[in-house]
Amino acid sequence: GMAAEGRMRYHTLTKDGLSVFDSPSANEPAKRWDGVGTAVWSKDGTKLAISTKAHPSCVELIDGDTLATSQILDGGSPVRQFSFSPLATYLISLHKYDADQNKDNFIIWDVAKGEAVCRFPLKSLGKAGWPPVKWTPKEKYAARMVSNEVQVFDGQNVSLSDAIGKIYLTNVAYFEPAPEEGNAIALFVPEMKGAPASARVYSFNDLQAPVCSKSFFQAQEVKIKWNFNGSAMLLLTQTDVDATGQSYYGSTNLHFMRSDGSSDCLLVGGDKGPVHDVAWSPTANEFLICSGLMPAELSLHDGKKGDKKLSFGKSRKNTIRWNPFGRLVAFGGFGNLAGDLEFWDMNKKKAIG
């Protein structure tokens, strides 16, 4: 969890309940709630949303400062998932689909008013997963995918009857809007029946024809990650089955692509994999990759052409986290790894402690 200004407020969620602490050194929680299923902070830490076993159809909005309940949003059937828009103007929630009782089971709520702005049926999330509606970071635009098209909305006035534009693309399966400076949105069509996969970038000013597109094989699924200013993106593609036989989970490839189409390359592919994690700096045009068989290599790359700038050597790590200011990075080994954490100062390119 994140925190109100000046506090390192965080939460722990266990089977006994949710506890919010004012600082890492606090012995007692500032507040506790029983029977909490899910807890989600807004990006700026000013709001907390929770679901409880006592009120399974509701999302409770909590003020991140006073920890008092500010709104209770009742979606009409048990809540499955929820999250805030980037500036916490909206909360989106998915509830159990019920053909009789709750057909419009996906809801966009106005957080300040505690009212539903719009709702529509959503029987399944599909491969693209959560969230089904995505905003640009400053909420200028919002987008959602339906069959063979992506619809674009005014991010501050998301009434879904009211798309400001539509991109028609057969078999589109993933989409990711860029930060506002990029003024673009990326769409992805998976590989099908021998036809290659394709990634396309459209400008919000012209949704008719893509600015650029790139084809690749071995790509049925994708994660699209934009850099901080929308000038480049990383595409982490995955196949369902690994032809090289190295991984039970299929093979992963990492592609780099400039949003104007001026440069693209395969960064990690084939026997150089797997890709454990990849993360852009939140403030600079550079990114970190953790890849290869264990012990995995950690490397820093520039965001102009994807060139490697620095290797941090090999270690048993699989997770990368930047701090919000892009100065510190945590490298961790989680899951079936030992769980070591290492911190690096990216300005000095030195390990801390």
Protein backbone atom coordinates (compact mmCIF):
# COMPACT_ATOMS: atom_id res chain seq x y z
CA GLY A 1 0.00 0.00 0.00
CA MET A 2 0.98 3.63 -0.48
CA ALA A 3 0.69 6.53 1.89
CA ALA A 4 -0.61 9.99 2.52
CA GLU A 5 2.14 12.60 2.30
CA GLY A 6 4.95 12.37 4.82
CA ARG A 7 3.87 8.94 6.05
CA MET A 8 5.15 5.53 5.11
CA ARG A 9 1.69 4.10 5.59
CA TYR A 10 1.24 0.52 4.45
CA HIS A 11 -1.13 -2.38 4.94
CA THR A 12 -0.97 -6.08 5.66
CA LEU A 13 -3.74 -8.43 4.57
CA THR A 14 -4.03 -11.84 6.22
CA LYS A 15 -6.83 -14.34 6.70
CA ASP A 16 -7.63 -12.53 9.97
CA GLY A 17 -8.15 -9.16 8.34
CA LEU A 18 -6.64 -5.94 7.10
CA SER A 19 -4.28 -3.81 9.20
CA VAL A 20 -3.07 -0.35 8.18
CA PHE A 21 0.15 0.87 9.82
CA ASP A 22 1.45 4.45 9.95
CA SER A 23 5.09 3.47 9.54
CA PRO A 24 7.32 0.41 9.23
CA SER A 25 8.36 0.89 12.87
CA ALA A 26 4.79 1.09 14.24
CA ASN A 27 3.97 -1.80 16.58
CA GLU A 28 0.21 -1.37 16.48
CA PRO A 29 -1.95 -0.78 13.41
CA ALA A 30 -3.66 2.60 13.04
CA LYS A 31 -6.80 0.68 12.13
CA ARG A 32 -8.03 -2.89 11.55
CA TRP A 33 -10.88 -4.40 9.54
CA ASP A 34 -12.09 -8.00 9.87
CA GLY A 35 -12.91 -10.36 7.02
CA VAL A 36 -11.37 -8.33 4.21
CA GLY A 37 -11.05 -10.18 0.90
CA THR A 38 -9.23 -7.55 -1.20
CA ALA A 39 -7.62 -4.18 -0.47
CA VAL A 40 -6.44 -1.75 -3.16
CA TRP A 41 -4.82 1.69 -2.76
CA SER A 42 -5.15 4.51 -5.24
CA LYS A 43 -1.87 5.34 -6.98
CA ASP A 44 -1.33 8.47 -4.87
CA GLY A 45 -2.19 6.74 -1.60
CA THR A 46 -5.09 9.08 -0.75
CA LYS A 47 -7.77 6.39 -1.01
CA LEU A 48 -8.17 2.77 -0.05
CA ALA A 49 -10.85 0.42 -1.42
CA ILE A 50 -11.77 -2.82 0.33
CA SER A 51 -14.25 -5.67 0.02
CA THR A 52 -15.48 -7.52 3.09
CA LYS A 53 -17.14 -10.88 3.71
CA ALA A 54 -19.88 -9.06 5.62
CA HIS A 55 -20.95 -7.08 2.52
CA PRO A 56 -19.91 -9.24 -0.44
CA SER A 57 -21.52 -7.07 -3.15
CA CYS A 58 -19.95 -3.82 -1.91
CA VAL A 59 -16.70 -1.94 -2.33
CA GLU A 60 -15.97 0.29 0.66
CA LEU A 61 -14.01 3.49 -0.04
CA ILE A 62 -11.78 4.64 2.80
CA ASP A 63 -10.05 8.00 3.19
CA GLY A 64 -6.29 7.28 3.17
CA ASP A 65 -5.64 9.99 5.73
CA THR A 66 -8.38 9.65 8.37
CA LEU A 67 -9.08 5.95 7.57
CA ALA A 68 -12.81 6.73 7.82
CA THR A 69 -15.24 5.16 5.34
CA SER A 70 -16.21 7.76 2.73
CA GLN A 71 -18.49 5.75 0.39
CA ILE A 72 -20.06 2.32 0.12
CA LEU A 73 -20.58 1.22 -3.49
CA ASP A 74 -23.06 -1.62 -3.90
CA GLY A 75 -22.77 -3.42 -7.24
CA GLY A 76 -25.77 -5.70 -6.75
CA SER A 77 -23.97 -9.07 -6.71
CA PRO A 78 -20.73 -10.42 -5.19
CA VAL A 79 -17.71 -8.31 -6.20
CA ARG A 80 -14.96 -10.17 -8.09
CA GLN A 81 -12.36 -7.46 -8.77
CA PHE A 82 -11.89 -3.70 -8.49
CA SER A 83 -9.32 -0.96 -9.00
CA PHE A 84 -8.91 2.82 -9.23
CA SER A 85 -8.34 4.87 -12.36
CA PRO A 86 -4.84 6.48 -12.39
CA LEU A 87 -5.93 9.71 -10.62
CA ALA A 88 -8.62 7.92 -8.56
CA THR A 89 -11.41 9.91 -10.22
CA TYR A 90 -13.08 6.57 -10.88
CA LEU A 91 -13.25 3.12 -9.38
CA ILE A 92 -14.10 0.19 -11.62
CA SER A 93 -15.65 -2.98 -10.24
CA LEU A 94 -16.60 -6.35 -11.68
CA HIS A 95 -19.40 -8.30 -10.03
CA LYS A 96 -20.79 -11.79 -10.49
CA TYR A 97 -22.74 -11.96 -13.75
CA ASP A 98 -26.39 -12.86 -13.19
CA ALA A 99 -28.68 -12.96 -16.25
CA ASP A 100 -31.76 -12.19 -14.09
CA GLN A 101 -30.51 -10.10 -11.18
CA ASN A 102 -27.32 -8.38 -12.32
CA LYS A 103 -26.71 -8.38 -16.05
CA ASP A 104 -24.77 -5.09 -16.16
CA ASN A 105 -22.14 -6.46 -13.82
CA PHE A 106 -19.19 -4.19 -14.73
CA ILE A 107 -19.46 -0.72 -13.20
CA ILE A 108 -17.53 2.55 -13.48
CA TRP A 109 -18.08 4.62 -10.31
CA ASP A 110 -17.49 8.33 -9.73
CA VAL A 111 -15.40 8.18 -6.55
CA ALA A 112 -16.25 11.67 -5.22
CA LYS A 113 -20.02 11.22 -5.67
CA GLY A 114 -20.17 7.50 -4.95
CA GLU A 115 -22.40 7.04 -8.00
CA ALA A 116 -22.30 4.64 -10.93
CA VAL A 117 -21.37 6.57 -14.10
CA CYS A 118 -22.06 3.63 -16.40
CA ARG A 119 -22.34 -0.13 -16.39
CA PHE A 120 -22.31 -2.91 -18.95
CA PRO A 121 -22.40 -6.72 -19.12
CA LEU A 122 -19.05 -8.52 -18.86
CA LYS A 123 -19.37 -12.30 -18.80
CA SER A 124 -15.63 -13.00 -18.87
CA LEU A 125 -12.39 -11.01 -18.83
CA GLY A 126 -10.77 -12.98 -21.64
CA LYS A 127 -7.01 -13.36 -22.08
CA ALA A 128 -6.35 -9.63 -21.77
CA GLY A 129 -7.45 -9.81 -18.14
CA TRP A 130 -7.93 -6.91 -15.74
CA PRO A 131 -8.68 -4.03 -16.16
CA PRO A 132 -11.14 -4.11 -19.09
CA VAL A 133 -11.15 -0.28 -19.21
CA LYS A 134 -7.78 1.51 -19.26
CA TRP A 135 -7.03 5.20 -18.86
CA THR A 136 -3.99 7.20 -19.89
CA PRO A 137 -2.02 8.22 -16.73
CA LYS A 138 -3.53 11.74 -16.54
CA GLU A 139 -6.97 10.40 -17.51
CA LYS A 140 -7.23 12.32 -20.79
CA TYR A 141 -8.48 9.20 -22.60
CA ALA A 142 -10.02 5.89 -21.65
CA ALA A 143 -10.34 2.80 -23.85
CA ARG A 144 -12.07 -0.56 -23.86
CA MET A 145 -11.98 -3.55 -26.16
CA VAL A 146 -14.99 -5.30 -27.66
CA SER A 147 -15.07 -7.90 -30.43
CA ASN A 148 -12.75 -6.77 -33.29
CA GLU A 149 -12.56 -3.17 -32.09
CA VAL A 150 -11.15 -0.83 -29.45
CA GLN A 151 -13.33 2.10 -28.39
CA VAL A 152 -11.82 5.38 -27.16
CA PHE A 153 -13.56 7.74 -24.70
CA ASP A 154 -13.04 11.10 -23.10
CA GLY A 155 -11.26 10.02 -19.91
CA GLN A 156 -13.14 12.53 -17.76
CA ASN A 157 -16.55 11.67 -19.17
CA VAL A 158 -16.71 7.92 -19.55
CA SER A 159 -20.21 7.25 -20.71
CA LEU A 160 -19.83 4.18 -22.83
CA SER A 161 -22.70 5.11 -25.14
CA ASP A 162 -20.46 7.92 -26.20
CA ALA A 163 -17.17 6.79 -27.82
CA ILE A 164 -15.14 9.63 -29.34
CA GLY A 165 -13.50 7.16 -31.72
CA LYS A 166 -13.19 3.48 -32.67
CA ILE A 167 -10.35 1.39 -34.05
CA TYR A 168 -11.54 -1.57 -36.10
CA LEU A 169 -9.04 -4.44 -36.07
CA THR A 170 -9.96 -8.09 -36.68
CA ASN A 171 -9.03 -10.41 -33.80
CA VAL A 172 -7.59 -7.64 -31.60
CA ALA A 173 -6.88 -9.22 -28.22
CA TYR A 174 -4.81 -6.69 -26.21
CA PHE A 175 -4.57 -2.89 -26.01
CA GLU A 176 -2.50 -0.43 -23.98
CA PRO A 177 -2.80 3.38 -24.08
CA ALA A 178 0.49 5.32 -23.87
CA PRO A 179 1.18 8.17 -21.43
CA GLU A 180 -0.30 11.50 -22.62
CA GLU A 181 2.92 12.81 -24.20
CA GLY A 182 2.90 9.83 -26.55
CA ASN A 183 -0.70 10.53 -27.63
CA ALA A 184 -0.95 6.92 -28.82
CA ILE A 185 -2.46 3.53 -28.17
CA ALA A 186 -0.97 0.10 -28.96
CA LEU A 187 -3.07 -2.84 -30.18
CA PHE A 188 -2.02 -6.46 -30.54
CA VAL A 189 -3.38 -9.31 -32.66
CA PRO A 190 -2.08 -12.77 -31.69
CA GLU A 191 -0.61 -15.31 -34.10
CA MET A 192 -3.40 -17.38 -35.66
CA LYS A 193 -3.57 -20.28 -38.12
CA GLY A 194 -0.07 -19.62 -39.43
CA ALA A 195 -0.57 -15.85 -39.79
CA PRO A 196 1.96 -13.85 -37.73
CA ALA A 197 1.04 -11.74 -34.71
CA SER A 198 1.06 -7.97 -35.14
CA ALA A 199 1.49 -4.95 -32.94
CA ARG A 200 0.13 -1.62 -34.16
CA VAL A 201 0.41 1.89 -32.80
CA TYR A 202 -2.37 4.40 -33.50
CA SER A 203 -2.35 8.13 -32.76
CA PHE A 204 -5.36 9.38 -30.77
CA ASN A 205 -5.60 12.09 -33.46
CA ASP A 206 -6.20 9.49 -36.20
CA LEU A 207 -7.71 6.14 -35.28
CA GLN A 208 -8.21 5.10 -38.93
CA ALA A 209 -4.68 4.02 -39.89
CA PRO A 210 -1.78 2.90 -37.67
CA VAL A 211 1.33 5.08 -37.33
CA CYS A 212 3.35 1.86 -37.51
CA SER A 213 2.98 -1.89 -37.24
CA LYS A 214 5.28 -4.84 -36.70
CA SER A 215 4.75 -8.56 -37.30
CA PHE A 216 6.22 -11.46 -35.34
CA PHE A 217 5.88 -15.17 -34.96
CA GLN A 218 5.74 -17.10 -31.69
CA ALA A 219 3.32 -14.71 -30.02
CA GLN A 220 -0.09 -15.75 -28.74
CA GLU A 221 -0.10 -13.59 -25.65
CA VAL A 222 1.48 -10.24 -24.85
CA LYS A 223 2.21 -7.74 -22.10
CA ILE A 224 2.70 -4.22 -23.48
CA LYS A 225 4.77 -1.78 -21.41
CA TRP A 226 5.17 1.88 -22.43
CA ASN A 227 8.03 4.09 -21.31
CA PHE A 228 7.33 7.22 -19.25
CA ASN A 229 6.76 9.55 -22.23
CA GLY A 230 5.13 7.18 -24.70
CA SER A 231 7.97 7.24 -27.22
CA ALA A 232 8.74 3.52 -27.02
CA MET A 233 7.32 0.27 -25.73
CA LEU A 234 8.37 -3.22 -24.77
CA LEU A 235 6.33 -6.22 -25.89
CA LEU A 236 6.73 -9.33 -23.79
CA THR A 237 5.24 -12.02 -26.01
CA GLN A 238 4.54 -15.59 -25.06
CA THR A 239 3.69 -18.79 -26.88
CA ASP A 240 1.46 -21.43 -25.38
CA VAL A 241 3.99 -24.17 -26.15
CA ASP A 242 7.78 -23.87 -26.09
CA ALA A 243 9.28 -25.35 -29.28
CA THR A 244 12.78 -25.25 -27.73
CA GLY A 245 11.62 -27.53 -24.89
CA GLN A 246 13.28 -25.32 -22.24
CA SER A 247 10.15 -24.28 -20.40
CA TYR A 248 6.96 -25.96 -19.35
CA TYR A 249 5.18 -22.61 -19.70
CA GLY A 250 5.99 -21.88 -23.34
CA SER A 251 8.66 -19.49 -24.58
CA THR A 252 8.91 -15.75 -23.96
CA ASN A 253 10.38 -13.16 -26.31
CA LEU A 254 11.03 -9.51 -25.55
CA HIS A 255 10.67 -6.98 -28.37
CA PHE A 256 11.52 -3.28 -28.35
CA MET A 257 9.58 -0.87 -30.56
CA ARG A 258 9.61 2.92 -31.00
CA SER A 259 6.09 4.31 -31.26
CA ASP A 260 6.92 6.15 -34.52
CA GLY A 261 8.22 2.94 -36.09
CA SER A 262 11.76 4.32 -36.50
CA SER A 263 13.38 1.45 -34.61
CA ASP A 264 12.52 -2.03 -33.39
CA CYS A 265 14.43 -5.14 -32.36
CA LEU A 266 14.23 -8.49 -30.61
CA LEU A 267 15.97 -8.01 -27.23
CA VAL A 268 15.57 -11.48 -25.75
CA GLY A 269 14.42 -14.52 -27.67
CA GLY A 270 14.87 -18.22 -28.25
CA ASP A 271 17.61 -19.73 -26.10
CA LYS A 272 18.41 -16.35 -24.42
CA GLY A 273 15.19 -16.63 -22.38
CA PRO A 274 13.24 -16.83 -20.29
CA VAL A 275 12.40 -13.21 -19.45
CA HIS A 276 11.66 -13.08 -15.71
CA ASP A 277 10.86 -9.38 -15.48
CA VAL A 278 11.28 -6.13 -17.38
CA ALA A 279 10.62 -2.61 -16.08
CA TRP A 280 10.93 0.92 -17.46
CA SER A 281 12.30 3.71 -15.30
CA PRO A 282 9.35 5.90 -14.24
CA THR A 283 11.34 9.08 -15.02
CA ALA A 284 14.01 8.34 -17.65
CA ASN A 285 14.15 6.65 -21.05
CA GLU A 286 15.79 3.42 -19.88
CA PHE A 287 14.69 0.00 -18.70
CA LEU A 288 15.93 -3.04 -16.80
CA ILE A 289 15.71 -6.66 -17.95
CA CYS A 290 16.06 -9.79 -15.84
CA SER A 291 16.51 -12.75 -18.20
CA GLY A 292 18.16 -16.12 -18.84
CA LEU A 293 18.36 -19.41 -16.99
CA MET A 294 19.15 -19.10 -13.27
CA PRO A 295 21.27 -17.34 -12.16
CA ALA A 296 19.65 -14.69 -14.37
CA GLU A 297 21.35 -11.63 -15.82
CA LEU A 298 20.21 -8.12 -14.88
CA SER A 299 20.91 -5.47 -17.49
CA LEU A 300 20.13 -1.78 -18.08
CA HIS A 301 19.15 -0.67 -21.61
CA ASP A 302 18.57 2.68 -23.29
CA GLY A 303 15.07 3.50 -24.55
CA LYS A 304 16.16 4.96 -27.89
CA LYS A 305 17.13 1.71 -29.59
CA GLY A 306 17.15 -0.81 -26.74
CA ASP A 307 20.97 -1.03 -26.56
CA LYS A 308 22.50 -2.55 -23.42
CA LYS A 309 24.21 0.13 -21.29
CA LEU A 310 25.25 -1.91 -18.28
CA SER A 311 25.16 -5.42 -16.86
CA PHE A 312 24.65 -5.96 -13.14
CA GLY A 313 25.94 -9.51 -13.48
CA LYS A 314 24.11 -12.73 -12.68
CA SER A 315 22.14 -13.57 -9.56
CA ARG A 316 19.17 -15.57 -8.37
CA LYS A 317 16.60 -12.82 -8.95
CA ASN A 318 13.34 -12.63 -10.88
CA THR A 319 11.68 -9.35 -9.84
CA ILE A 320 12.48 -5.67 -10.57
CA ARG A 321 10.86 -2.68 -8.80
CA TRP A 322 11.76 1.00 -9.37
CA ASN A 323 10.89 3.60 -6.76
CA PRO A 324 8.55 6.35 -8.08
CA PHE A 325 11.41 8.83 -8.64
CA GLY A 326 13.47 6.43 -10.74
CA ARG A 327 16.50 6.62 -8.49
CA LEU A 328 16.34 3.39 -6.49
CA VAL A 329 15.70 -0.12 -7.74
CA ALA A 330 14.93 -3.25 -5.75
CA PHE A 331 15.95 -6.61 -7.27
CA GLY A 332 14.31 -9.58 -5.61
CA GLY A 333 14.15 -13.36 -5.81
CA PHE A 334 10.58 -14.49 -5.11
CA GLY A 335 8.43 -17.58 -5.63
CA ASN A 336 10.71 -20.61 -5.70
CA LEU A 337 13.85 -18.47 -5.22
CA ALA A 338 15.47 -17.66 -1.88
CA GLY A 339 13.87 -14.23 -1.47
CA ASP A 340 16.99 -12.06 -1.29
CA LEU A 341 16.47 -8.34 -1.87
CA GLU A 342 19.15 -6.07 -3.28
CA PHE A 343 18.86 -2.29 -3.61
CA TRP A 344 20.72 -0.20 -6.21
CA ASP A 345 21.22 3.53 -6.56
CA MET A 346 20.68 4.05 -10.30
CA ASN A 347 22.31 7.50 -10.34
CA LYS A 348 25.57 6.10 -8.99
CA LYS A 349 25.03 2.61 -10.47
CA LYS A 350 26.01 1.19 -7.10
CA ALA A 351 24.53 -1.33 -4.69
CA ILE A 352 23.30 0.13 -1.40
CA GLY A 353 24.21 -1.53 1.88
